[in-house]
Amino acid sequence: MTLLWSFQPLSRVAVLREAGELVGSWEHVPPSPGGVIRGAYEEMVAAMARAGVPTQGRPPVWAWGGGRGVTVEDAHMLVGDPPSVDHATVEFDAPDGLLLATDYGAWNDYLAALFDRSGPVARTWDVPTAVADHLVQVCLPVLRLEWVRAIRPLPRSPHGSAGA
C-alpha cells in the first residue's frame, strides 16, 4: 500500500462517500481548444494500460504521493490560487498494483507542447517513477472509501497543511 493524497471537489467527495468509490469520468475532464486535454488524458489511460493498470477506458483519478506529504502550494498548482473552498484533501492508502506514478513536471511540459503545436511532442512523462521522498503525480483507476484515512478541508493559505 502507498500513502497518497488527492484534491477533490466536495461534489466528488460526496460521490466517494455515497458510492464507496470514486472513478474518473470523461465529463470531468476540463474542456480545451481542440480537445488537447482530453487527448492527453487518453494518453495517460494508454500509459496506465501499458503498465498493467486497467481503467476500463475511464480517465484516471489523480493523486500525489511522496514522503514529504502535500502542501497548500501543491493544491494551488492543481485547483487554482487561492484554492477553491469547494475542495477537500483526501488522504488514502492505495494498493501498489493500481498505481502509475509519473513525473508531474514532464507531464506539464507535455501539455504545454500539445497546446503549442510546434511539432512532434515527446512523452517524457511516460516513465514509471518511484514514490519516494519527492512528490510525484499518481494516477489510479479507482479511489475506494475503505482506503481513506482522512478527508480534510483544503487550506486556503500556506500556514495550513493540506497533508498529514
C-alpha atoms as a PDB file:
ATOM      1  CA  MET A   1       0.000   0.000   0.000  1.00  0.00           C
ATOM      2  CA  THR A   2       1.138   3.532  -0.772  1.00  0.00           C
ATOM      3  CA  LEU A   3       0.059   6.678   1.060  1.00  0.00           C
ATOM      4  CA  LEU A   4      -1.463   9.203  -1.363  1.00  0.00           C
ATOM      5  CA  TRP A   5      -3.349  12.489  -1.366  1.00  0.00           C
ATOM      6  CA  SER A   6      -5.940  13.708  -3.846  1.00  0.00           C
ATOM      7  CA  PHE A   7      -7.542  17.149  -4.097  1.00  0.00           C
ATOM      8  CA  GLN A   8     -11.212  16.617  -4.967  1.00  0.00           C
ATOM      9  CA  PRO A   9     -14.246  18.881  -5.345  1.00  0.00           C
ATOM     10  CA  LEU A  10     -16.712  18.382  -2.494  1.00  0.00           C
ATOM     11  CA  SER A  11     -19.248  17.061  -5.010  1.00  0.00           C
ATOM     12  CA  ARG A  12     -16.822  14.241  -5.892  1.00  0.00           C
ATOM     13  CA  VAL A  13     -16.128  13.599  -2.184  1.00  0.00           C
ATOM     14  CA  ALA A  14     -19.898  13.151  -1.767  1.00  0.00           C
ATOM     15  CA  VAL A  15     -19.854  10.558  -4.586  1.00  0.00           C
ATOM     16  CA  LEU A  16     -16.978   8.759  -2.848  1.00  0.00           C
ATOM     17  CA  ARG A  17     -18.912   8.660   0.425  1.00  0.00           C
ATOM     18  CA  GLU A  18     -22.216   7.602  -1.165  1.00  0.00           C
ATOM     19  CA  ALA A  19     -20.951   5.091  -3.735  1.00  0.00           C
ATOM     20  CA  GLY A  20     -17.979   3.812  -1.744  1.00  0.00           C
ATOM     21  CA  GLU A  21     -15.631   4.572  -4.611  1.00  0.00           C
ATOM     22  CA  LEU A  22     -14.603   7.311  -6.991  1.00  0.00           C
ATOM     23  CA  VAL A  23     -13.723   6.628 -10.624  1.00  0.00           C
ATOM     24  CA  GLY A  24     -12.726   9.000 -13.379  1.00  0.00           C
ATOM     25  CA  SER A  25     -15.324  10.312 -15.780  1.00  0.00           C
ATOM     26  CA  TRP A  26     -14.798  11.993 -19.141  1.00  0.00           C
ATOM     27  CA  GLU A  27     -17.379  14.625 -18.191  1.00  0.00           C
ATOM     28  CA  HIS A  28     -14.951  15.914 -15.540  1.00  0.00           C
ATOM     29  CA  VAL A  29     -12.046  16.361 -17.953  1.00  0.00           C
ATOM     30  CA  PRO A  30     -11.584  20.101 -18.473  1.00  0.00           C
ATOM     31  CA  PRO A  31     -12.543  21.316 -21.946  1.00  0.00           C
ATOM     32  CA  SER A  32      -9.754  22.765 -24.057  1.00  0.00           C
ATOM     33  CA  PRO A  33      -9.219  24.026 -27.594  1.00  0.00           C
ATOM     34  CA  GLY A  34      -9.014  21.096 -29.981  1.00  0.00           C
ATOM     35  CA  GLY A  35      -9.649  18.630 -27.153  1.00  0.00           C
ATOM     36  CA  VAL A  36      -5.963  18.812 -26.179  1.00  0.00           C
ATOM     37  CA  ILE A  37      -6.538  17.949 -22.523  1.00  0.00           C
ATOM     38  CA  ARG A  38      -8.831  15.030 -23.345  1.00  0.00           C
ATOM     39  CA  GLY A  39      -6.217  13.706 -25.776  1.00  0.00           C
ATOM     40  CA  ALA A  40      -3.530  13.976 -23.101  1.00  0.00           C
ATOM     41  CA  TYR A  41      -5.758  12.145 -20.617  1.00  0.00           C
ATOM     42  CA  GLU A  42      -6.315   9.436 -23.246  1.00  0.00           C
ATOM     43  CA  GLU A  43      -2.515   9.112 -23.485  1.00  0.00           C
ATOM     44  CA  MET A  44      -2.369   8.677 -19.693  1.00  0.00           C
ATOM     45  CA  VAL A  45      -5.052   5.969 -19.886  1.00  0.00           C
ATOM     46  CA  ALA A  46      -2.939   4.219 -22.547  1.00  0.00           C
ATOM     47  CA  ALA A  47       0.191   4.539 -20.372  1.00  0.00           C
ATOM     48  CA  MET A  48      -1.719   3.027 -17.462  1.00  0.00           C
ATOM     49  CA  ALA A  49      -2.806   0.106 -19.659  1.00  0.00           C
ATOM     50  CA  ARG A  50       0.807  -0.452 -20.789  1.00  0.00           C
ATOM     51  CA  ALA A  51       1.800  -0.527 -17.098  1.00  0.00           C
ATOM     52  CA  GLY A  52      -0.869  -3.145 -16.367  1.00  0.00           C
ATOM     53  CA  VAL A  53      -3.255  -0.725 -14.616  1.00  0.00           C
ATOM     54  CA  PRO A  54      -6.660  -1.126 -16.291  1.00  0.00           C
ATOM     55  CA  THR A  55      -9.076   1.836 -16.248  1.00  0.00           C
ATOM     56  CA  GLN A  56     -11.966   0.339 -18.256  1.00  0.00           C
ATOM     57  CA  GLY A  57     -11.417   3.257 -20.634  1.00  0.00           C
ATOM     58  CA  ARG A  58     -12.088   5.896 -17.988  1.00  0.00           C
ATOM     59  CA  PRO A  59      -9.721   8.751 -17.197  1.00  0.00           C
ATOM     60  CA  PRO A  60      -7.663   8.286 -14.056  1.00  0.00           C
ATOM     61  CA  VAL A  61      -8.200   9.530 -10.557  1.00  0.00           C
ATOM     62  CA  TRP A  62      -5.267  11.903  -9.981  1.00  0.00           C
ATOM     63  CA  ALA A  63      -3.337  11.910  -6.724  1.00  0.00           C
ATOM     64  CA  TRP A  64       0.023  12.823  -5.225  1.00  0.00           C
ATOM     65  CA  GLY A  65       2.489  10.557  -3.473  1.00  0.00           C
ATOM     66  CA  GLY A  66       5.756  11.130  -1.688  1.00  0.00           C
ATOM     67  CA  GLY A  67       7.363  11.026   1.715  1.00  0.00           C
ATOM     68  CA  ARG A  68       7.157  14.760   2.351  1.00  0.00           C
ATOM     69  CA  GLY A  69       3.352  14.861   2.082  1.00  0.00           C
ATOM     70  CA  VAL A  70       1.435  17.583   0.287  1.00  0.00           C
ATOM     71  CA  THR A  71       1.209  21.280   0.991  1.00  0.00           C
ATOM     72  CA  VAL A  72      -1.198  24.082   0.167  1.00  0.00           C
ATOM     73  CA  GLU A  73       1.256  25.107  -2.572  1.00  0.00           C
ATOM     74  CA  ASP A  74       0.689  21.709  -4.187  1.00  0.00           C
ATOM     75  CA  ALA A  75      -3.054  22.334  -4.039  1.00  0.00           C
ATOM     76  CA  HIS A  76      -2.533  25.737  -5.658  1.00  0.00           C
ATOM     77  CA  MET A  77      -0.896  24.015  -8.634  1.00  0.00           C
ATOM     78  CA  LEU A  78      -3.915  21.789  -9.180  1.00  0.00           C
ATOM     79  CA  VAL A  79      -7.036  23.676  -8.123  1.00  0.00           C
ATOM     80  CA  GLY A  80      -6.015  27.295  -8.538  1.00  0.00           C
ATOM     81  CA  ASP A  81      -4.677  30.148  -6.483  1.00  0.00           C
ATOM     82  CA  PRO A  82      -6.141  30.662  -3.989  1.00  0.00           C
ATOM     83  CA  PRO A  83      -7.508  27.140  -3.673  1.00  0.00           C
ATOM     84  CA  SER A  84     -11.223  26.847  -4.028  1.00  0.00           C
ATOM     85  CA  VAL A  85     -13.315  26.452  -0.889  1.00  0.00           C
ATOM     86  CA  ASP A  86     -15.255  23.666  -2.580  1.00  0.00           C
ATOM     87  CA  HIS A  87     -12.329  21.200  -2.493  1.00  0.00           C
ATOM     88  CA  ALA A  88     -11.011  18.749   0.085  1.00  0.00           C
ATOM     89  CA  THR A  89      -7.813  16.790   0.575  1.00  0.00           C
ATOM     90  CA  VAL A  90      -8.429  13.045   0.582  1.00  0.00           C
ATOM     91  CA  GLU A  91      -5.629  11.084   2.277  1.00  0.00           C
ATOM     92  CA  PHE A  92      -5.648   7.377   1.493  1.00  0.00           C
ATOM     93  CA  ASP A  93      -3.636   4.172   1.146  1.00  0.00           C
ATOM     94  CA  ALA A  94      -3.874   2.513  -2.285  1.00  0.00           C
ATOM     95  CA  PRO A  95      -2.644  -0.885  -3.476  1.00  0.00           C
ATOM     96  CA  ASP A  96       0.675  -0.572  -5.320  1.00  0.00           C
ATOM     97  CA  GLY A  97      -0.611  -2.621  -8.270  1.00  0.00           C
ATOM     98  CA  LEU A  98      -3.215   0.048  -9.103  1.00  0.00           C
ATOM     99  CA  LEU A  99      -0.795   2.969  -9.353  1.00  0.00           C
ATOM    100  CA  LEU A 100       1.074   4.657 -12.158  1.00  0.00           C
ATOM    101  CA  ALA A 101       3.365   7.328 -10.754  1.00  0.00           C
ATOM    102  CA  THR A 102       4.884   9.741 -13.281  1.00  0.00           C
ATOM    103  CA  ASP A 103       6.840  12.987 -13.420  1.00  0.00           C
ATOM    104  CA  TYR A 104       4.482  15.948 -12.931  1.00  0.00           C
ATOM    105  CA  GLY A 105       6.904  18.495 -14.403  1.00  0.00           C
ATOM    106  CA  ALA A 106       7.348  16.399 -17.548  1.00  0.00           C
ATOM    107  CA  TRP A 107       3.546  15.998 -17.758  1.00  0.00           C
ATOM    108  CA  ASN A 108       3.121  19.775 -17.682  1.00  0.00           C
ATOM    109  CA  ASP A 109       5.827  20.191 -20.332  1.00  0.00           C
ATOM    110  CA  TYR A 110       3.929  17.635 -22.448  1.00  0.00           C
ATOM    111  CA  LEU A 111       0.651  19.557 -22.046  1.00  0.00           C
ATOM    112  CA  ALA A 112       2.359  22.853 -22.924  1.00  0.00           C
ATOM    113  CA  ALA A 113       3.866  21.327 -26.076  1.00  0.00           C
ATOM    114  CA  LEU A 114       0.460  19.941 -27.096  1.00  0.00           C
ATOM    115  CA  PHE A 115      -1.084  23.391 -26.730  1.00  0.00           C
ATOM    116  CA  ASP A 116       1.876  24.972 -28.546  1.00  0.00           C
ATOM    117  CA  ARG A 117       1.520  22.605 -31.533  1.00  0.00           C
ATOM    118  CA  SER A 118       5.048  23.390 -32.637  1.00  0.00           C
ATOM    119  CA  GLY A 119       5.845  19.876 -33.832  1.00  0.00           C
ATOM    120  CA  PRO A 120       6.122  16.330 -32.515  1.00  0.00           C
ATOM    121  CA  VAL A 121       5.532  16.034 -28.790  1.00  0.00           C
ATOM    122  CA  ALA A 122       7.713  13.687 -26.741  1.00  0.00           C
ATOM    123  CA  ARG A 123       6.121  11.713 -23.917  1.00  0.00           C
ATOM    124  CA  THR A 124       8.956  12.032 -21.431  1.00  0.00           C
ATOM    125  CA  TRP A 125       6.448  11.776 -18.560  1.00  0.00           C
ATOM    126  CA  ASP A 126       5.558   8.234 -19.664  1.00  0.00           C
ATOM    127  CA  VAL A 127       8.159   6.609 -17.412  1.00  0.00           C
ATOM    128  CA  PRO A 128       7.031   4.937 -14.182  1.00  0.00           C
ATOM    129  CA  THR A 129       8.502   6.855 -11.248  1.00  0.00           C
ATOM    130  CA  ALA A 130       9.114   5.542  -7.748  1.00  0.00           C
ATOM    131  CA  VAL A 131       7.019   7.084  -4.990  1.00  0.00           C
ATOM    132  CA  ALA A 132       9.832   8.094  -2.648  1.00  0.00           C
ATOM    133  CA  ASP A 133      10.679  11.270  -0.753  1.00  0.00           C
ATOM    134  CA  HIS A 134       9.934  13.706  -3.585  1.00  0.00           C
ATOM    135  CA  LEU A 135       6.363  14.461  -4.667  1.00  0.00           C
ATOM    136  CA  VAL A 136       5.132  12.663  -7.797  1.00  0.00           C
ATOM    137  CA  GLN A 137       1.815  12.583  -9.597  1.00  0.00           C
ATOM    138  CA  VAL A 138      -0.005   9.293  -9.301  1.00  0.00           C
ATOM    139  CA  CYS A 139      -2.857   8.011 -11.461  1.00  0.00           C
ATOM    140  CA  LEU A 140      -5.123   5.183 -10.432  1.00  0.00           C
ATOM    141  CA  PRO A 141      -8.340   3.711 -11.834  1.00  0.00           C
ATOM    142  CA  VAL A 142     -10.348   3.997  -8.617  1.00  0.00           C
ATOM    143  CA  LEU A 143     -10.249   5.513  -5.137  1.00  0.00           C
ATOM    144  CA  ARG A 144     -12.154   3.336  -2.646  1.00  0.00           C
ATOM    145  CA  LEU A 145     -13.685   4.690   0.540  1.00  0.00           C
ATOM    146  CA  GLU A 146     -12.240   1.767   2.514  1.00  0.00           C
ATOM    147  CA  TRP A 147      -8.730   3.095   1.702  1.00  0.00           C
ATOM    148  CA  VAL A 148      -9.413   6.585   3.069  1.00  0.00           C
ATOM    149  CA  ARG A 149      -7.560   7.691   6.207  1.00  0.00           C
ATOM    150  CA  ALA A 150      -8.936  11.247   6.318  1.00  0.00           C
ATOM    151  CA  ILE A 151     -10.864  13.863   4.373  1.00  0.00           C
ATOM    152  CA  ARG A 152      -9.947  17.430   5.299  1.00  0.00           C
ATOM    153  CA  PRO A 153     -10.942  20.873   4.046  1.00  0.00           C
ATOM    154  CA  LEU A 154      -8.360  22.297   1.683  1.00  0.00           C
ATOM    155  CA  PRO A 155      -6.326  25.009   3.445  1.00  0.00           C
ATOM    156  CA  ARG A 156      -6.520  28.423   1.795  1.00  0.00           C
ATOM    157  CA  SER A 157      -3.147  29.760   2.958  1.00  0.00           C
ATOM    158  CA  PRO A 158       0.407  28.414   3.252  1.00  0.00           C
ATOM    159  CA  HIS A 159       0.007  28.477   7.049  1.00  0.00           C
ATOM    160  CA  GLY A 160      -2.145  25.345   6.900  1.00  0.00           C
ATOM    161  CA  SER A 161      -1.080  21.913   5.652  1.00  0.00           C
ATOM    162  CA  ALA A 162      -3.034  20.019   3.036  1.00  0.00           C
ATOM    163  CA  GLY A 163      -1.439  16.737   4.034  1.00  0.00           C
ATOM    164  CA  ALA A 164      -0.647  14.990   7.269  1.00  0.00           C
END
